[in-house]
Amino acid sequence: MNYIGVIREGVTTVNHSWQLVIVHILSAILSFISFFLIVGIPISIAFVMFGLDLTEILRLKDLMEVFRSSLGLLKKYFAMAIVIITSLLFYFTLIFTIWLFTIAGSAGTLGKLITHEAEKFTSKIFFGEGKRLFIPLFGFSALVGIILMVFAFLLGILGGGISSIVEIAKSQEAVLALFLGIFFSAITFITGIFLIVVILALTIYGVAHIVFNKISPLTAFKQTIKYLYRNPSSIGFYSILLLASTLTIFIVFLLGSPIVLIPFFGPLLSPLYQLVSTLIQAYINLVMIASAFIFYYKTGYTQPAVAACDGQTEVGGVSEGAGTSQQPAAEPAQVPEKTDESQQKQS
């Protein structure tokens, strides 16, 4: 399959729904504002109410004294700690909800554009798809999160075992220990990168399964694993998308960094640069999602089965030919009558 052609189709799809970029920007702005409303203001009020003075910690000399003093302050200002923890938990819950609803609405909208169920972005489609896909995507993200934690735990055990082997080798020969350290570090790094790419590919193609097939998270998880096994090129295509997007965002960051260093105008242009870079990142992320969806749509998606019964094809619960079944039966009944009349005239 032509990867460049798929990416071009992804760009075209996003261009037809450019309003999604604005939605992602508004979501980021809402997340930024909510931090001050949910976290900043309650903590500021709590600081005033409880009279907490952080300069006490800054005046301490060593780390252990800071730690002991922090524990003392925690006991003294326990209510303050409760306020901070509650505010942060509520903030992260709100941010996750906004982010997941935005992804759900965007994915559903792109899916309808790819399947030609819609021609352009509308707020009705976005909010409708967000409501429909929110719970399935939440369950699927929870499954992927569990898998990610399991792999992280296994990599931690692997790293601990490698460290033990290297320490044993150091007692024998320093050169061997150096070789084993470099070798096992490279193996661990490559394995970690491969697992991260596979898990990210599992995530985006799993979302595509849910969007197009309207199935449960567990079913989507199983079908996505089978899809990746049958189509290893899907992992390669996603790797290309991930590498291209990372390089593009990195280049944008490098080009925009000197703006901050401009005397006098730098602080004024910095907010504008942040807005432009956020727009570019949102656009690139949407192109990644749309391209991956199109790749899955062409390689793994199958249309719903068409039921056939007694020579009639049933589409959408309506049997084709049902409205015309009486007309063909009436025409053969008239043919013998016309034939008899013609024979009588000839006789």
Foldseek 3Di string as FASTA:
>chain_A
DDLVVLLVVLLVLCVQAVVLLVLLLVLVVVLVVLCCVLAVVQLVVLCVVLVDDCVVLVPDDDDVVSVVVVVVVCVVPVVSVVSNVVSVVVSVVVSVLSVLLSVQLLLLSLLCCLVVVDRGDDPVSSNVSSVLCSVQLVVLVVVLVVVVVVVVVVLVVLVVVLVVVLVVVVVVPPVVSVVSVVVSVVVSVVVVVVVVLVSVLLSLQLSLCCSNVVDHSVVSSVVSVVLCVVCVVLSVSLVVLVVVLVVVLVVLCVVCVCLCVDPPCNVVCVVVSVSVSSSSNSSSVSSSSSSSSNVCCVRPDDDPDWDDDPNWTADPNRTPCPVVVVVVVVVVVVVVVVVVVVVVVVD
